[in-house]
PDB file of N, CA and C in Angstrom:
ATOM      1  N   MET A   1      16.551  19.587  27.065  1.00  0.00           N
ATOM      2  CA  MET A   1      15.411  20.606  27.823  1.00  0.00           C
ATOM      3  C   MET A   1      15.386  20.097  29.047  1.00  0.00           C
ATOM      4  N   GLU A   2      15.177  20.611  30.676  1.00  0.00           N
ATOM      5  CA  GLU A   2      14.257  20.536  31.086  1.00  0.00           C
ATOM      6  C   GLU A   2      13.242  20.892  31.816  1.00  0.00           C
ATOM      7  N   VAL A   3      12.465  20.498  31.856  1.00  0.00           N
ATOM      8  CA  VAL A   3      11.600  21.489  32.554  1.00  0.00           C
ATOM      9  C   VAL A   3      11.278  21.068  33.922  1.00  0.00           C
ATOM     10  N   PRO A   4      10.886  21.805  35.017  1.00  0.00           N
ATOM     11  CA  PRO A   4      10.808  21.676  35.909  1.00  0.00           C
ATOM     12  C   PRO A   4       8.988  20.857  36.009  1.00  0.00           C
ATOM     13  N   TYR A   5       8.618  19.835  37.003  1.00  0.00           N
ATOM     14  CA  TYR A   5       7.758  19.099  37.301  1.00  0.00           C
ATOM     15  C   TYR A   5       6.618  20.000  37.561  1.00  0.00           C
ATOM     16  N   GLY A   6       5.434  19.571  37.033  1.00  0.00           N
ATOM     17  CA  GLY A   6       3.855  20.718  36.906  1.00  0.00           C
ATOM     18  C   GLY A   6       4.170  21.706  36.109  1.00  0.00           C
ATOM     19  N   ARG A   7       4.772  22.135  35.014  1.00  0.00           N
ATOM     20  CA  ARG A   7       4.674  22.601  34.358  1.00  0.00           C
ATOM     21  C   ARG A   7       4.552  22.005  32.947  1.00  0.00           C
ATOM     22  N   TYR A   8       3.196  21.663  32.688  1.00  0.00           N
ATOM     23  CA  TYR A   8       3.090  20.586  31.882  1.00  0.00           C
ATOM     24  C   TYR A   8       2.889  21.469  30.783  1.00  0.00           C
ATOM     25  N   GLU A   9       2.630  22.463  30.166  1.00  0.00           N
ATOM     26  CA  GLU A   9       2.532  23.295  28.660  1.00  0.00           C
ATOM     27  C   GLU A   9       3.330  22.692  28.351  1.00  0.00           C
ATOM     28  N   GLU A  10       4.679  23.465  29.232  1.00  0.00           N
ATOM     29  CA  GLU A  10       6.245  23.791  28.623  1.00  0.00           C
ATOM     30  C   GLU A  10       6.614  22.242  28.644  1.00  0.00           C
ATOM     31  N   ALA A  11       6.544  20.926  29.354  1.00  0.00           N
ATOM     32  CA  ALA A  11       7.106  19.954  28.930  1.00  0.00           C
ATOM     33  C   ALA A  11       6.674  19.059  27.584  1.00  0.00           C
ATOM     34  N   TYR A  12       4.972  19.653  27.616  1.00  0.00           N
ATOM     35  CA  TYR A  12       4.500  19.232  26.288  1.00  0.00           C
ATOM     36  C   TYR A  12       5.103  19.523  24.949  1.00  0.00           C
ATOM     37  N   LYS A  13       5.595  20.786  25.233  1.00  0.00           N
ATOM     38  CA  LYS A  13       6.347  21.937  23.893  1.00  0.00           C
ATOM     39  C   LYS A  13       7.658  20.964  23.740  1.00  0.00           C
ATOM     40  N   ALA A  14       8.245  20.873  24.912  1.00  0.00           N
ATOM     41  CA  ALA A  14       9.798  20.038  25.017  1.00  0.00           C
ATOM     42  C   ALA A  14       9.904  18.792  24.602  1.00  0.00           C
ATOM     43  N   ILE A  15       8.531  17.883  24.874  1.00  0.00           N
ATOM     44  CA  ILE A  15       8.144  16.344  24.044  1.00  0.00           C
ATOM     45  C   ILE A  15       8.493  16.680  23.032  1.00  0.00           C
ATOM     46  N   HIS A  16       6.769  17.844  22.374  1.00  0.00           N
ATOM     47  CA  HIS A  16       7.127  17.714  21.176  1.00  0.00           C
ATOM     48  C   HIS A  16       8.022  18.038  20.076  1.00  0.00           C
ATOM     49  N   SER A  17       9.245  18.945  20.299  1.00  0.00           N
ATOM     50  CA  SER A  17      10.518  19.466  19.859  1.00  0.00           C
ATOM     51  C   SER A  17      11.624  18.293  19.713  1.00  0.00           C
ATOM     52  N   ALA A  18      11.260  17.660  20.756  1.00  0.00           N
ATOM     53  CA  ALA A  18      12.390  16.242  20.783  1.00  0.00           C
ATOM     54  C   ALA A  18      11.975  15.162  19.892  1.00  0.00           C
ATOM     55  N   LEU A  19      11.008  14.983  19.551  1.00  0.00           N
ATOM     56  CA  LEU A  19      10.054  14.216  19.151  1.00  0.00           C
ATOM     57  C   LEU A  19       9.631  14.274  17.686  1.00  0.00           C
ATOM     58  N   ASN A  20      10.205  15.376  17.652  1.00  0.00           N
ATOM     59  CA  ASN A  20       9.721  15.807  15.742  1.00  0.00           C
ATOM     60  C   ASN A  20      10.761  14.929  14.924  1.00  0.00           C
ATOM     61  N   GLY A  21      11.875  14.619  14.911  1.00  0.00           N
ATOM     62  CA  GLY A  21      12.579  13.757  14.014  1.00  0.00           C
ATOM     63  C   GLY A  21      12.478  12.419  14.176  1.00  0.00           C
ATOM     64  N   LEU A  22      11.789  11.863  15.074  1.00  0.00           N
ATOM     65  CA  LEU A  22      11.462  10.318  15.127  1.00  0.00           C
ATOM     66  C   LEU A  22      10.219   9.960  15.222  1.00  0.00           C
ATOM     67  N   MET A  23       9.416  10.899  15.295  1.00  0.00           N
ATOM     68  CA  MET A  23       7.815  11.017  14.657  1.00  0.00           C
ATOM     69  C   MET A  23       7.728  11.368  13.152  1.00  0.00           C
ATOM     70  N   ALA A  24       8.980  10.963  12.549  1.00  0.00           N
ATOM     71  CA  ALA A  24       8.771  11.481  10.653  1.00  0.00           C
ATOM     72  C   ALA A  24       8.035  10.226  10.680  1.00  0.00           C
ATOM     73  N   PRO A  25       6.779  10.118   9.545  1.00  0.00           N
ATOM     74  CA  PRO A  25       6.522   8.999   9.042  1.00  0.00           C
ATOM     75  C   PRO A  25       7.762   8.758   7.760  1.00  0.00           C
ATOM     76  N   PRO A  26       7.717   7.576   7.311  1.00  0.00           N
ATOM     77  CA  PRO A  26       8.815   6.874   6.125  1.00  0.00           C
ATOM     78  C   PRO A  26       8.098   7.839   5.255  1.00  0.00           C
ATOM     79  N   PRO A  27       8.818   7.681   3.866  1.00  0.00           N
ATOM     80  CA  PRO A  27       9.089   8.483   2.653  1.00  0.00           C
ATOM     81  C   PRO A  27       7.482   7.676   2.156  1.00  0.00           C
ATOM     82  N   GLY A  28       6.826   8.726   1.722  1.00  0.00           N
ATOM     83  CA  GLY A  28       5.566   8.617   0.735  1.00  0.00           C
ATOM     84  C   GLY A  28       4.269   7.905   2.025  1.00  0.00           C
ATOM     85  N   LYS A  29       4.793   7.874   3.300  1.00  0.00           N
ATOM     86  CA  LYS A  29       3.430   7.779   4.194  1.00  0.00           C
ATOM     87  C   LYS A  29       3.026   8.820   5.219  1.00  0.00           C
ATOM     88  N   ARG A  30       1.881   9.006   5.598  1.00  0.00           N
ATOM     89  CA  ARG A  30       1.608   9.779   6.891  1.00  0.00           C
ATOM     90  C   ARG A  30       1.065   9.269   7.537  1.00  0.00           C
ATOM     91  N   ILE A  31       1.420   9.711   8.864  1.00  0.00           N
ATOM     92  CA  ILE A  31       0.688   9.671  10.103  1.00  0.00           C
ATOM     93  C   ILE A  31      -1.172   9.746  10.101  1.00  0.00           C
ATOM     94  N   THR A  32      -2.077   8.359  10.382  1.00  0.00           N
ATOM     95  CA  THR A  32      -2.958   8.910  10.783  1.00  0.00           C
ATOM     96  C   THR A  32      -4.046   8.354  11.869  1.00  0.00           C
ATOM     97  N   ARG A  33      -3.148   8.151  12.639  1.00  0.00           N
ATOM     98  CA  ARG A  33      -3.538   7.549  13.975  1.00  0.00           C
ATOM     99  C   ARG A  33      -2.199   7.132  14.760  1.00  0.00           C
ATOM    100  N   LEU A  34      -2.516   7.674  16.521  1.00  0.00           N
ATOM    101  CA  LEU A  34      -1.557   7.160  17.167  1.00  0.00           C
ATOM    102  C   LEU A  34      -2.464   6.550  18.009  1.00  0.00           C
ATOM    103  N   ALA A  35      -1.726   5.256  18.748  1.00  0.00           N
ATOM    104  CA  ALA A  35      -2.243   4.593  19.973  1.00  0.00           C
ATOM    105  C   ALA A  35      -1.322   4.666  21.131  1.00  0.00           C
ATOM    106  N   PHE A  36      -1.529   4.649  22.113  1.00  0.00           N
ATOM    107  CA  PHE A  36      -0.777   5.166  23.199  1.00  0.00           C
ATOM    108  C   PHE A  36      -0.598   3.758  24.471  1.00  0.00           C
ATOM    109  N   ALA A  37       0.033   3.582  24.922  1.00  0.00           N
ATOM    110  CA  ALA A  37       0.246   2.790  25.728  1.00  0.00           C
ATOM    111  C   ALA A  37       0.622   2.888  27.336  1.00  0.00           C
ATOM    112  N   TRP A  38       0.283   2.999  28.213  1.00  0.00           N
ATOM    113  CA  TRP A  38       0.705   3.787  29.610  1.00  0.00           C
ATOM    114  C   TRP A  38       1.152   2.296  30.680  1.00  0.00           C
ATOM    115  N   ASN A  39       2.353   3.399  31.471  1.00  0.00           N
ATOM    116  CA  ASN A  39       3.015   2.435  32.979  1.00  0.00           C
ATOM    117  C   ASN A  39       1.769   1.959  33.634  1.00  0.00           C
ATOM    118  N   MET A  40       2.019   1.268  34.567  1.00  0.00           N
ATOM    119  CA  MET A  40       1.292   1.618  35.776  1.00  0.00           C
ATOM    120  C   MET A  40       1.036   2.634  36.656  1.00  0.00           C
ATOM    121  N   ASP A  41       2.703   3.473  36.927  1.00  0.00           N
ATOM    122  CA  ASP A  41       2.745   4.944  37.132  1.00  0.00           C
ATOM    123  C   ASP A  41       2.253   5.721  36.556  1.00  0.00           C
ATOM    124  N   GLY A  42       1.554   5.661  35.372  1.00  0.00           N
ATOM    125  CA  GLY A  42       0.929   6.577  34.705  1.00  0.00           C
ATOM    126  C   GLY A  42       1.866   7.267  33.428  1.00  0.00           C
ATOM    127  N   THR A  43       3.351   6.983  33.503  1.00  0.00           N
ATOM    128  CA  THR A  43       3.811   7.463  32.185  1.00  0.00           C
ATOM    129  C   THR A  43       3.772   6.865  30.904  1.00  0.00           C
ATOM    130  N   VAL A  44       4.159   6.967  29.794  1.00  0.00           N
ATOM    131  CA  VAL A  44       3.715   6.743  28.270  1.00  0.00           C
ATOM    132  C   VAL A  44       4.858   5.363  28.393  1.00  0.00           C
ATOM    133  N   ALA A  45       4.275   4.615  27.922  1.00  0.00           N
ATOM    134  CA  ALA A  45       4.896   3.243  27.449  1.00  0.00           C
ATOM    135  C   ALA A  45       5.813   2.955  26.131  1.00  0.00           C
ATOM    136  N   THR A  46       4.600   3.347  25.578  1.00  0.00           N
ATOM    137  CA  THR A  46       4.497   3.089  23.702  1.00  0.00           C
ATOM    138  C   THR A  46       3.656   4.368  23.204  1.00  0.00           C
ATOM    139  N   ILE A  47       4.033   4.532  21.999  1.00  0.00           N
ATOM    140  CA  ILE A  47       3.224   5.612  20.991  1.00  0.00           C
ATOM    141  C   ILE A  47       3.611   4.129  19.862  1.00  0.00           C
ATOM    142  N   LYS A  48       2.227   3.881  19.420  1.00  0.00           N
ATOM    143  CA  LYS A  48       2.384   3.310  17.901  1.00  0.00           C
ATOM    144  C   LYS A  48       1.747   4.489  16.868  1.00  0.00           C
ATOM    145  N   ALA A  49       2.678   4.155  15.617  1.00  0.00           N
ATOM    146  CA  ALA A  49       1.883   5.688  14.474  1.00  0.00           C
ATOM    147  C   ALA A  49       1.360   4.475  13.422  1.00  0.00           C
ATOM    148  N   PHE A  50       0.033   5.008  13.255  1.00  0.00           N
ATOM    149  CA  PHE A  50      -0.347   4.080  12.078  1.00  0.00           C
ATOM    150  C   PHE A  50      -0.531   5.291  10.737  1.00  0.00           C
ATOM    151  N   MET A  51      -1.141   4.366   9.539  1.00  0.00           N
ATOM    152  CA  MET A  51      -1.414   5.060   8.550  1.00  0.00           C
ATOM    153  C   MET A  51      -2.685   4.150   8.208  1.00  0.00           C
ATOM    154  N   GLY A  52      -3.939   4.277   8.583  1.00  0.00           N
ATOM    155  CA  GLY A  52      -4.809   3.535   8.613  1.00  0.00           C
ATOM    156  C   GLY A  52      -4.452   2.295   9.410  1.00  0.00           C
ATOM    157  N   ASP A  53      -4.471   0.964   8.847  1.00  0.00           N
ATOM    158  CA  ASP A  53      -4.313   0.203   9.715  1.00  0.00           C
ATOM    159  C   ASP A  53      -3.133  -0.424   9.804  1.00  0.00           C
ATOM    160  N   GLU A  54      -2.179   0.409   8.734  1.00  0.00           N
ATOM    161  CA  GLU A  54      -0.502  -0.130   8.869  1.00  0.00           C
ATOM    162  C   GLU A  54       0.152  -0.044   9.632  1.00  0.00           C
ATOM    163  N   LEU A  55       1.185  -0.448  10.847  1.00  0.00           N
ATOM    164  CA  LEU A  55       1.667  -0.024  11.854  1.00  0.00           C
ATOM    165  C   LEU A  55       3.018   0.951  11.344  1.00  0.00           C
ATOM    166  N   LEU A  56       3.156   1.822  11.216  1.00  0.00           N
ATOM    167  CA  LEU A  56       4.889   2.795  10.553  1.00  0.00           C
ATOM    168  C   LEU A  56       5.304   2.420  11.694  1.00  0.00           C
ATOM    169  N   PHE A  57       5.480   2.675  12.647  1.00  0.00           N
ATOM    170  CA  PHE A  57       6.344   2.621  13.680  1.00  0.00           C
ATOM    171  C   PHE A  57       6.112   2.690  14.980  1.00  0.00           C
ATOM    172  N   THR A  58       7.080   2.373  16.164  1.00  0.00           N
ATOM    173  CA  THR A  58       6.482   1.820  17.611  1.00  0.00           C
ATOM    174  C   THR A  58       7.693   3.304  18.244  1.00  0.00           C
ATOM    175  N   LEU A  59       7.677   4.048  19.013  1.00  0.00           N
ATOM    176  CA  LEU A  59       8.179   4.693  19.698  1.00  0.00           C
ATOM    177  C   LEU A  59       7.947   3.841  21.441  1.00  0.00           C
ATOM    178  N   THR A  60       9.212   3.775  22.220  1.00  0.00           N
ATOM    179  CA  THR A  60       9.305   2.942  23.345  1.00  0.00           C
ATOM    180  C   THR A  60      10.178   3.962  24.452  1.00  0.00           C
ATOM    181  N   PHE A  61       9.423   4.053  24.805  1.00  0.00           N
ATOM    182  CA  PHE A  61       9.970   4.954  26.772  1.00  0.00           C
ATOM    183  C   PHE A  61      10.530   4.261  27.407  1.00  0.00           C
ATOM    184  N   SER A  62      11.988   4.566  27.825  1.00  0.00           N
ATOM    185  CA  SER A  62      12.230   3.972  29.120  1.00  0.00           C
ATOM    186  C   SER A  62      12.346   5.425  29.860  1.00  0.00           C
ATOM    187  N   TRP A  63      12.212   5.055  31.353  1.00  0.00           N
ATOM    188  CA  TRP A  63      12.041   5.818  32.616  1.00  0.00           C
ATOM    189  C   TRP A  63      13.054   5.757  33.873  1.00  0.00           C
ATOM    190  N   ASN A  64      13.807   6.972  34.121  1.00  0.00           N
ATOM    191  CA  ASN A  64      14.690   6.698  35.397  1.00  0.00           C
ATOM    192  C   ASN A  64      13.501   6.732  36.809  1.00  0.00           C
ATOM    193  N   MET A  65      14.240   5.648  37.888  1.00  0.00           N
ATOM    194  CA  MET A  65      13.174   5.731  38.927  1.00  0.00           C
ATOM    195  C   MET A  65      12.943   7.385  39.688  1.00  0.00           C
ATOM    196  N   ASP A  66      13.648   8.616  39.000  1.00  0.00           N
ATOM    197  CA  ASP A  66      13.368   9.577  39.500  1.00  0.00           C
ATOM    198  C   ASP A  66      12.278  10.571  38.757  1.00  0.00           C
ATOM    199  N   GLY A  67      11.739   9.538  37.614  1.00  0.00           N
ATOM    200  CA  GLY A  67      10.503   9.888  36.690  1.00  0.00           C
ATOM    201  C   GLY A  67      11.178  10.669  35.407  1.00  0.00           C
ATOM    202  N   SER A  68      12.228  10.489  35.502  1.00  0.00           N
ATOM    203  CA  SER A  68      13.133  11.590  34.440  1.00  0.00           C
ATOM    204  C   SER A  68      12.542  10.372  33.187  1.00  0.00           C
ATOM    205  N   LEU A  69      12.852  11.502  31.694  1.00  0.00           N
ATOM    206  CA  LEU A  69      12.613  10.196  30.901  1.00  0.00           C
ATOM    207  C   LEU A  69      14.391  10.090  30.464  1.00  0.00           C
ATOM    208  N   ARG A  70      14.441   8.444  30.402  1.00  0.00           N
ATOM    209  CA  ARG A  70      15.799   7.993  30.065  1.00  0.00           C
ATOM    210  C   ARG A  70      16.258   7.959  28.720  1.00  0.00           C
ATOM    211  N   GLU A  71      15.057   7.545  27.547  1.00  0.00           N
ATOM    212  CA  GLU A  71      15.399   6.867  26.157  1.00  0.00           C
ATOM    213  C   GLU A  71      14.185   6.693  25.535  1.00  0.00           C
ATOM    214  N   VAL A  72      14.116   7.366  24.228  1.00  0.00           N
ATOM    215  CA  VAL A  72      12.849   6.925  23.418  1.00  0.00           C
ATOM    216  C   VAL A  72      13.689   6.278  22.282  1.00  0.00           C
ATOM    217  N   ALA A  73      13.022   5.120  22.224  1.00  0.00           N
ATOM    218  CA  ALA A  73      13.584   3.983  20.865  1.00  0.00           C
ATOM    219  C   ALA A  73      12.671   4.056  19.779  1.00  0.00           C
ATOM    220  N   ARG A  74      12.663   3.858  18.960  1.00  0.00           N
ATOM    221  CA  ARG A  74      12.133   3.425  17.605  1.00  0.00           C
ATOM    222  C   ARG A  74      12.338   2.548  16.789  1.00  0.00           C
ATOM    223  N   THR A  75      10.859   1.864  16.738  1.00  0.00           N
ATOM    224  CA  THR A  75      11.496   0.468  15.768  1.00  0.00           C
ATOM    225  C   THR A  75      10.023   0.276  14.739  1.00  0.00           C
TER     226      THR A  75
END
């Protein structure tokens, strides 16, 4: 889904929908905390999901030069 720049509510909903599967915790776990890291240009670099102090997974974001999202990788 492509959302025009400046339509933040639509963008957040689109991101939520796209990340829903990527954000699923491992079986038997639940996400209790998220930690965000930002790039110098204000884009999201990583989102780390935790259950307590246990790191469940990390999402790493890659961006195109035009500011559009290129890739989200889960590790």
